[in-house]
């Protein structure tokens, strides 16, 4: 293996992993205040000039697709639906050749109104965060009484043809750990795909505690109280979710066990924050600044070189089980999912 990244070609690291899935955060702001993500008063948001402009985002995504081999682009936040230029950004990325597959991770508020325009612009599918079906519990978790808006967003996405509509749920001990079966029943009844995610150490308060985390084994045990689950014979590839056939299929449920069953060896992701920093890993403690280079007049060749160098330094794994593990300074809302 070479000791330095190639000067051309894809985003490969020292372990031979190739990043083809780009996660792009469009904003660090959010219209919810989920207790496991940020404090009630919110966070010190990025100032406007610090954010990449619409044109800068499109340029970097085009570079990633045309020069670096990216085939999947997912827009995240914060909450990406509050980015004023979202529809135009999606349309511009959909015009890139070769066309990447485009998805969006959102809390769903306002999605019922925007879904038709996003579908027309070229968005392929959505992931909607939903941790509870109980209105009171939703308000407790998010500090906003907006469950009806999220459910409307899910329905609107399905009606617009953003298929498959996936639900991302985080179960927390003493909060909503009992809701796995109900969430799966809801997803099956509406034709959505459920993904339950182990809570990760990405909260702004740095209050995550592995001992209180609901594990994948516990999640599966809970689901099996109401459903028969069997291993999905489909090749998993680089997908973060381990999937299971529900009652013999074809319906499936996924469990993303980032902590107890890490899949770092197959990771194919690279991340771009809303202020133009490349992150090789969700849990990285270092970033590479593309915004400064871009605004300093760097051409595409130089930007691509910097991106390749950033990914070459990707670590073998996130190291959560290592005694020296340090939680990233940036919370999930600033990194992008």
Protein backbone atom coordinates (compact mmCIF):
# COMPACT_ATOMS: atom_id res chain seq x y z
CA UNK A 1 0.00 0.00 0.00
CA UNK A 2 1.26 3.49 -0.80
CA UNK A 3 2.27 5.81 2.03
CA UNK A 4 0.45 8.85 0.64
CA UNK A 5 -2.89 9.46 -1.08
CA UNK A 6 -2.97 9.38 -4.84
CA UNK A 7 -3.02 12.71 -6.61
CA UNK A 8 -6.05 11.65 -8.63
CA UNK A 9 -9.01 9.33 -8.26
CA UNK A 10 -11.33 8.40 -5.43
CA UNK A 11 -11.36 9.18 -1.70
CA UNK A 12 -9.43 6.21 -0.37
CA UNK A 13 -7.89 5.86 3.07
CA UNK A 14 -4.86 3.93 4.37
CA UNK A 15 -7.07 0.90 5.07
CA UNK A 16 -8.41 0.65 1.53
CA UNK A 17 -11.88 2.01 2.29
CA UNK A 18 -13.37 4.19 -0.43
CA UNK A 19 -15.74 7.05 0.48
CA UNK A 20 -18.62 7.18 -1.98
CA UNK A 21 -21.33 8.49 0.36
CA UNK A 22 -21.15 12.24 1.09
CA UNK A 23 -23.10 13.73 4.01
CA UNK A 24 -23.56 17.51 3.65
CA UNK A 25 -24.76 19.61 6.58
CA UNK A 26 -26.69 22.65 5.34
CA UNK A 27 -27.10 24.36 8.72
CA UNK A 28 -26.34 23.78 12.38
CA UNK A 29 -29.68 25.29 13.41
CA UNK A 30 -32.75 23.26 14.33
CA UNK A 31 -36.39 24.02 15.17
CA UNK A 32 -36.50 21.29 17.84
CA UNK A 33 -34.49 21.03 21.07
CA UNK A 34 -34.15 17.27 21.54
CA UNK A 35 -32.86 16.52 25.03
CA UNK A 36 -30.19 14.07 23.77
CA UNK A 37 -28.86 16.59 21.25
CA UNK A 38 -28.82 20.10 22.70
CA UNK A 39 -29.87 22.24 25.69
CA UNK A 40 -33.28 23.92 25.87
CA UNK A 41 -31.85 27.32 24.97
CA UNK A 42 -30.17 25.99 21.84
CA UNK A 43 -26.51 26.49 20.95
CA UNK A 44 -24.28 29.30 19.68
CA UNK A 45 -25.18 29.03 15.99
CA UNK A 46 -22.73 29.65 13.19
CA UNK A 47 -22.79 33.21 11.91
CA UNK A 48 -24.08 33.72 8.36
CA UNK A 49 -20.67 34.45 6.77
CA UNK A 50 -19.27 31.24 8.27
CA UNK A 51 -21.78 29.08 6.39
CA UNK A 52 -21.06 27.87 2.90
CA UNK A 53 -23.21 29.66 0.34
CA UNK A 54 -25.55 27.70 -1.91
CA UNK A 55 -23.11 28.07 -4.79
CA UNK A 56 -20.18 26.88 -2.64
CA UNK A 57 -22.10 23.81 -1.52
CA UNK A 58 -22.99 22.91 -5.09
CA UNK A 59 -19.41 23.42 -6.26
CA UNK A 60 -18.01 21.12 -3.57
CA UNK A 61 -20.65 18.46 -4.18
CA UNK A 62 -19.99 18.61 -7.93
CA UNK A 63 -16.28 18.23 -7.24
CA UNK A 64 -16.93 15.22 -5.02
CA UNK A 65 -19.06 13.53 -7.68
CA UNK A 66 -17.09 14.42 -10.82
CA UNK A 67 -13.54 14.04 -9.47
CA UNK A 68 -13.69 11.98 -6.29
CA UNK A 69 -16.10 9.16 -7.08
CA UNK A 70 -18.98 10.09 -4.76
CA UNK A 71 -22.24 8.42 -5.85
CA UNK A 72 -24.55 9.19 -2.89
CA UNK A 73 -25.27 12.64 -1.42
CA UNK A 74 -27.32 13.12 1.73
CA UNK A 75 -28.26 16.56 3.00
CA UNK A 76 -28.44 16.92 6.77
CA UNK A 77 -28.36 19.56 9.52
CA UNK A 78 -29.22 20.70 12.08
CA UNK A 79 -32.51 20.76 10.27
CA UNK A 80 -31.95 21.05 6.50
CA UNK A 81 -35.57 22.04 5.74
CA UNK A 82 -34.94 25.45 7.29
CA UNK A 83 -32.22 26.21 4.72
CA UNK A 84 -33.88 28.74 2.40
CA UNK A 85 -32.09 27.52 -0.74
CA UNK A 86 -32.67 23.80 -0.19
CA UNK A 87 -34.83 23.14 -3.26
CA UNK A 88 -32.41 24.97 -5.57
CA UNK A 89 -29.43 23.15 -4.06
CA UNK A 90 -31.11 19.78 -4.67
CA UNK A 91 -31.95 20.75 -8.25
CA UNK A 92 -28.36 21.82 -8.95
CA UNK A 93 -26.93 18.62 -7.50
CA UNK A 94 -29.42 16.52 -9.47
CA UNK A 95 -28.03 18.12 -12.64
CA UNK A 96 -24.49 16.92 -11.90
CA UNK A 97 -23.16 14.14 -14.17
CA UNK A 98 -22.99 11.34 -13.33
CA UNK A 99 -26.12 12.02 -11.29
CA UNK A 100 -25.71 11.00 -7.63
CA UNK A 101 -28.52 9.50 -5.59
CA UNK A 102 -29.83 12.29 -3.34
CA UNK A 103 -31.44 11.89 0.08
CA UNK A 104 -32.31 14.05 3.07
CA UNK A 105 -32.31 13.50 6.85
CA UNK A 106 -34.90 15.70 8.57
CA UNK A 107 -37.15 16.00 11.60
CA UNK A 108 -40.07 16.22 9.16
CA UNK A 109 -41.50 19.57 10.27
CA UNK A 110 -42.64 21.33 7.09
CA UNK A 111 -41.86 18.33 4.90
CA UNK A 112 -45.50 17.95 3.87
CA UNK A 113 -45.31 21.38 2.21
CA UNK A 114 -41.85 20.99 0.67
CA UNK A 115 -41.93 17.35 -0.41
CA UNK A 116 -43.52 17.90 -3.86
CA UNK A 117 -41.01 20.61 -4.79
CA UNK A 118 -38.10 18.56 -3.48
CA UNK A 119 -39.23 15.52 -5.46
CA UNK A 120 -39.52 17.60 -8.62
CA UNK A 121 -36.07 19.07 -7.97
CA UNK A 122 -34.55 15.58 -7.85
CA UNK A 123 -34.63 14.38 -4.24
CA UNK A 124 -34.90 10.59 -4.20
CA UNK A 125 -35.81 9.75 -0.61
CA UNK A 126 -35.90 10.93 3.02
CA UNK A 127 -35.04 9.76 6.53
CA UNK A 128 -37.30 11.28 9.17
CA UNK A 129 -36.37 11.30 12.85
CA UNK A 130 -39.17 10.10 15.14
CA UNK A 131 -38.50 8.73 18.62
CA UNK A 132 -42.02 8.43 20.01
CA UNK A 133 -45.66 8.26 18.95
CA UNK A 134 -46.92 9.71 22.23
CA UNK A 135 -47.66 13.47 22.00
CA UNK A 136 -46.75 14.20 25.62
CA UNK A 137 -43.55 12.21 25.40
CA UNK A 138 -42.68 13.89 22.09
CA UNK A 139 -43.03 17.29 23.73
CA UNK A 140 -40.88 16.14 26.65
CA UNK A 141 -38.18 14.82 24.32
CA UNK A 142 -38.08 17.67 21.81
CA UNK A 143 -39.35 20.53 23.98
CA UNK A 144 -41.81 21.36 21.20
CA UNK A 145 -45.43 20.10 20.73
CA UNK A 146 -44.92 19.22 17.06
CA UNK A 147 -45.68 15.49 16.74
CA UNK A 148 -48.59 16.15 14.38
CA UNK A 149 -46.28 18.14 12.08
CA UNK A 150 -43.78 15.27 11.93
CA UNK A 151 -46.50 12.73 11.13
CA UNK A 152 -47.82 15.06 8.41
CA UNK A 153 -44.30 15.31 7.02
CA UNK A 154 -44.00 11.54 6.80
CA UNK A 155 -47.32 11.27 4.99
CA UNK A 156 -46.39 14.11 2.66
CA UNK A 157 -43.09 12.51 1.75
CA UNK A 158 -44.79 9.22 0.90
CA UNK A 159 -47.45 10.99 -1.16
CA UNK A 160 -44.75 12.84 -3.13
CA UNK A 161 -43.02 9.58 -4.03
CA UNK A 162 -39.91 10.01 -1.86
CA UNK A 163 -39.60 6.27 -1.54
CA UNK A 164 -38.57 4.54 0.60
CA UNK A 165 -39.52 6.77 3.52
CA UNK A 166 -37.33 5.75 6.42
CA UNK A 167 -37.87 6.52 10.11
CA UNK A 168 -34.85 6.97 12.37
CA UNK A 169 -35.54 6.32 16.06
CA UNK A 170 -33.32 6.53 19.11
CA UNK A 171 -34.45 4.60 22.19
CA UNK A 172 -33.33 5.89 25.59
CA UNK A 173 -33.48 4.08 28.90
CA UNK A 174 -36.14 5.44 31.20
CA UNK A 175 -37.54 7.65 28.45
CA UNK A 176 -38.90 5.70 25.46
CA UNK A 177 -37.18 2.31 25.57
CA UNK A 178 -40.58 0.60 25.51
CA UNK A 179 -41.65 2.09 22.16
CA UNK A 180 -39.72 -0.09 19.72
CA UNK A 181 -42.62 -2.47 18.93
CA UNK A 182 -45.13 0.39 18.58
CA UNK A 183 -42.82 2.30 16.23
CA UNK A 184 -42.33 -0.81 14.11
CA UNK A 185 -46.09 -1.46 13.98
CA UNK A 186 -46.62 2.16 12.90
CA UNK A 187 -43.98 1.87 10.19
CA UNK A 188 -45.40 -1.39 8.85
CA UNK A 189 -48.94 -0.01 8.79
CA UNK A 190 -47.88 3.03 6.75
CA UNK A 191 -45.32 1.45 4.45
CA UNK A 192 -42.32 3.16 6.07
CA UNK A 193 -39.00 1.53 6.93
CA UNK A 194 -37.89 1.74 10.57
CA UNK A 195 -34.28 2.10 11.66
CA UNK A 196 -33.57 2.08 15.41
CA UNK A 197 -30.24 3.65 16.35
CA UNK A 198 -28.14 3.18 19.45
CA UNK A 199 -27.67 6.52 21.18
CA UNK A 200 -24.21 7.86 20.37
CA UNK A 201 -21.87 10.23 22.26
CA UNK A 202 -22.67 13.28 20.15
CA UNK A 203 -24.75 15.41 22.52
CA UNK A 204 -23.77 19.03 23.14
CA UNK A 205 -23.99 18.50 26.91
CA UNK A 206 -21.52 15.57 26.83
CA UNK A 207 -23.89 13.65 29.09
CA UNK A 208 -23.84 10.36 27.15
CA UNK A 209 -23.30 7.30 29.32
CA UNK A 210 -22.77 3.89 27.78
CA UNK A 211 -24.16 2.19 30.87
CA UNK A 212 -27.56 3.82 30.29
CA UNK A 213 -27.63 3.29 26.52
CA UNK A 214 -30.24 0.90 25.09
CA UNK A 215 -28.16 -1.64 23.17
CA UNK A 216 -28.90 -3.40 19.90
CA UNK A 217 -29.47 -6.67 21.77
CA UNK A 218 -32.06 -5.00 23.97
CA UNK A 219 -33.72 -3.37 20.97
CA UNK A 220 -34.03 -6.70 19.17
CA UNK A 221 -35.32 -8.44 22.30
CA UNK A 222 -38.01 -5.79 22.66
CA UNK A 223 -39.09 -6.08 19.02
CA UNK A 224 -39.27 -9.86 19.32
CA UNK A 225 -41.93 -9.58 22.00
CA UNK A 226 -44.38 -8.76 19.17
CA UNK A 227 -42.68 -9.76 15.92
CA UNK A 228 -40.73 -12.65 14.48
CA UNK A 229 -37.35 -11.41 13.25
CA UNK A 230 -35.03 -13.40 11.01
CA UNK A 231 -31.70 -12.35 9.49
CA UNK A 232 -31.98 -10.52 6.17
CA UNK A 233 -30.16 -12.58 3.51
CA UNK A 234 -29.51 -9.45 1.43
CA UNK A 235 -25.87 -8.36 1.31
CA UNK A 236 -25.37 -5.51 3.79
CA UNK A 237 -22.41 -3.88 2.07
CA UNK A 238 -21.50 -0.52 3.61
CA UNK A 239 -25.00 0.13 4.98
CA UNK A 240 -24.93 1.17 8.65
CA UNK A 241 -28.08 -0.80 9.50
CA UNK A 242 -28.17 -4.53 10.14
CA UNK A 243 -31.59 -5.50 8.79
CA UNK A 244 -34.05 -8.21 9.77
CA UNK A 245 -37.05 -9.67 7.99
CA UNK A 246 -40.24 -9.00 9.94
CA UNK A 247 -42.61 -11.97 10.23
CA UNK A 248 -40.92 -13.62 7.27
CA UNK A 249 -40.74 -10.49 5.09
CA UNK A 250 -40.78 -8.74 2.75
CA UNK A 251 -40.95 -5.96 5.38
CA UNK A 252 -37.68 -5.23 7.15
CA UNK A 253 -36.47 -3.41 10.23
CA UNK A 254 -32.96 -2.11 10.74
CA UNK A 255 -30.83 -1.66 13.84
CA UNK A 256 -27.83 0.68 13.69
CA UNK A 257 -25.49 -0.49 16.43
CA UNK A 258 -22.76 2.12 16.05
CA UNK A 259 -21.54 1.53 19.60
CA UNK A 260 -21.89 -2.19 20.34
CA UNK A 261 -21.48 -3.54 16.78
CA UNK A 262 -19.34 -0.93 15.00
CA UNK A 263 -19.13 -1.19 11.22
CA UNK A 264 -16.10 1.07 10.77
CA UNK A 265 -14.32 -1.49 8.60
CA UNK A 266 -16.93 -1.06 5.88
CA UNK A 267 -17.51 2.69 6.26
CA UNK A 268 -17.86 4.53 2.94
CA UNK A 269 -18.75 8.01 4.23
CA UNK A 270 -17.17 11.43 4.05
CA UNK A 271 -18.72 14.50 5.67
CA UNK A 272 -18.87 18.20 4.89
CA UNK A 273 -20.01 20.52 7.66
CA UNK A 274 -22.13 23.62 7.09
CA UNK A 275 -19.03 25.79 7.45
CA UNK A 276 -17.02 23.84 4.91
CA UNK A 277 -14.96 21.43 7.02
CA UNK A 278 -14.25 17.88 5.84
CA UNK A 279 -14.69 15.22 8.52
CA UNK A 280 -13.40 11.74 7.78
CA UNK A 281 -15.50 10.22 10.59
CA UNK A 282 -18.56 11.21 12.57
CA UNK A 283 -16.44 10.92 15.73
CA UNK A 284 -13.33 12.63 14.36
CA UNK A 285 -11.61 15.17 16.56
CA UNK A 286 -9.94 16.87 13.61
CA UNK A 287 -11.27 18.61 10.49
CA UNK A 288 -9.86 19.89 7.20
CA UNK A 289 -10.89 23.37 6.07
CA UNK A 290 -12.11 23.54 2.47
CA UNK A 291 -13.97 26.83 2.94
CA UNK A 292 -10.80 28.87 3.43
CA UNK A 293 -9.16 27.31 0.41
CA UNK A 294 -12.27 27.76 -1.71
CA UNK A 295 -12.65 31.42 -0.75
CA UNK A 296 -8.92 31.93 -1.18
CA UNK A 297 -9.19 31.10 -4.88
CA UNK A 298 -8.19 27.42 -4.90
CA UNK A 299 -9.07 25.64 -8.12
CA UNK A 300 -10.87 22.29 -8.23
CA UNK A 301 -7.62 20.35 -8.48
CA UNK A 302 -6.34 21.88 -5.25
CA UNK A 303 -9.65 21.36 -3.44
CA UNK A 304 -9.71 17.73 -4.56
CA UNK A 305 -6.14 17.24 -3.34
CA UNK A 306 -7.04 18.60 0.09
CA UNK A 307 -10.12 16.38 0.30
CA UNK A 308 -8.12 13.27 -0.63
CA UNK A 309 -5.51 14.12 1.98
CA UNK A 310 -8.18 14.57 4.65
CA UNK A 311 -9.69 11.16 3.92
CA UNK A 312 -6.31 9.44 3.72
CA UNK A 313 -5.86 10.20 7.42
CA UNK A 314 -9.11 8.48 8.45
CA UNK A 315 -8.66 6.29 11.49
CA UNK A 316 -9.37 2.56 11.51
CA UNK A 317 -12.35 2.98 13.84
CA UNK A 318 -14.22 5.45 16.02
CA UNK A 319 -12.61 4.11 19.20
CA UNK A 320 -15.58 4.53 21.53
CA UNK A 321 -14.43 1.48 23.49
CA UNK A 322 -10.88 2.82 23.78
CA UNK A 323 -10.07 4.34 27.20
CA UNK A 324 -8.53 7.32 25.37
CA UNK A 325 -11.72 8.07 23.40
CA UNK A 326 -12.68 11.74 23.38
CA UNK A 327 -16.14 12.85 22.38
CA UNK A 328 -16.05 15.32 19.46
CA UNK A 329 -16.25 18.95 20.51
CA UNK A 330 -18.95 19.55 17.94
CA UNK A 331 -22.36 17.99 18.67
CA UNK A 332 -24.39 16.12 16.06
CA UNK A 333 -26.36 19.23 15.14
CA UNK A 334 -23.13 20.92 14.02
CA UNK A 335 -21.55 17.90 12.36
CA UNK A 336 -24.49 16.61 10.35
CA UNK A 337 -25.80 13.03 10.49
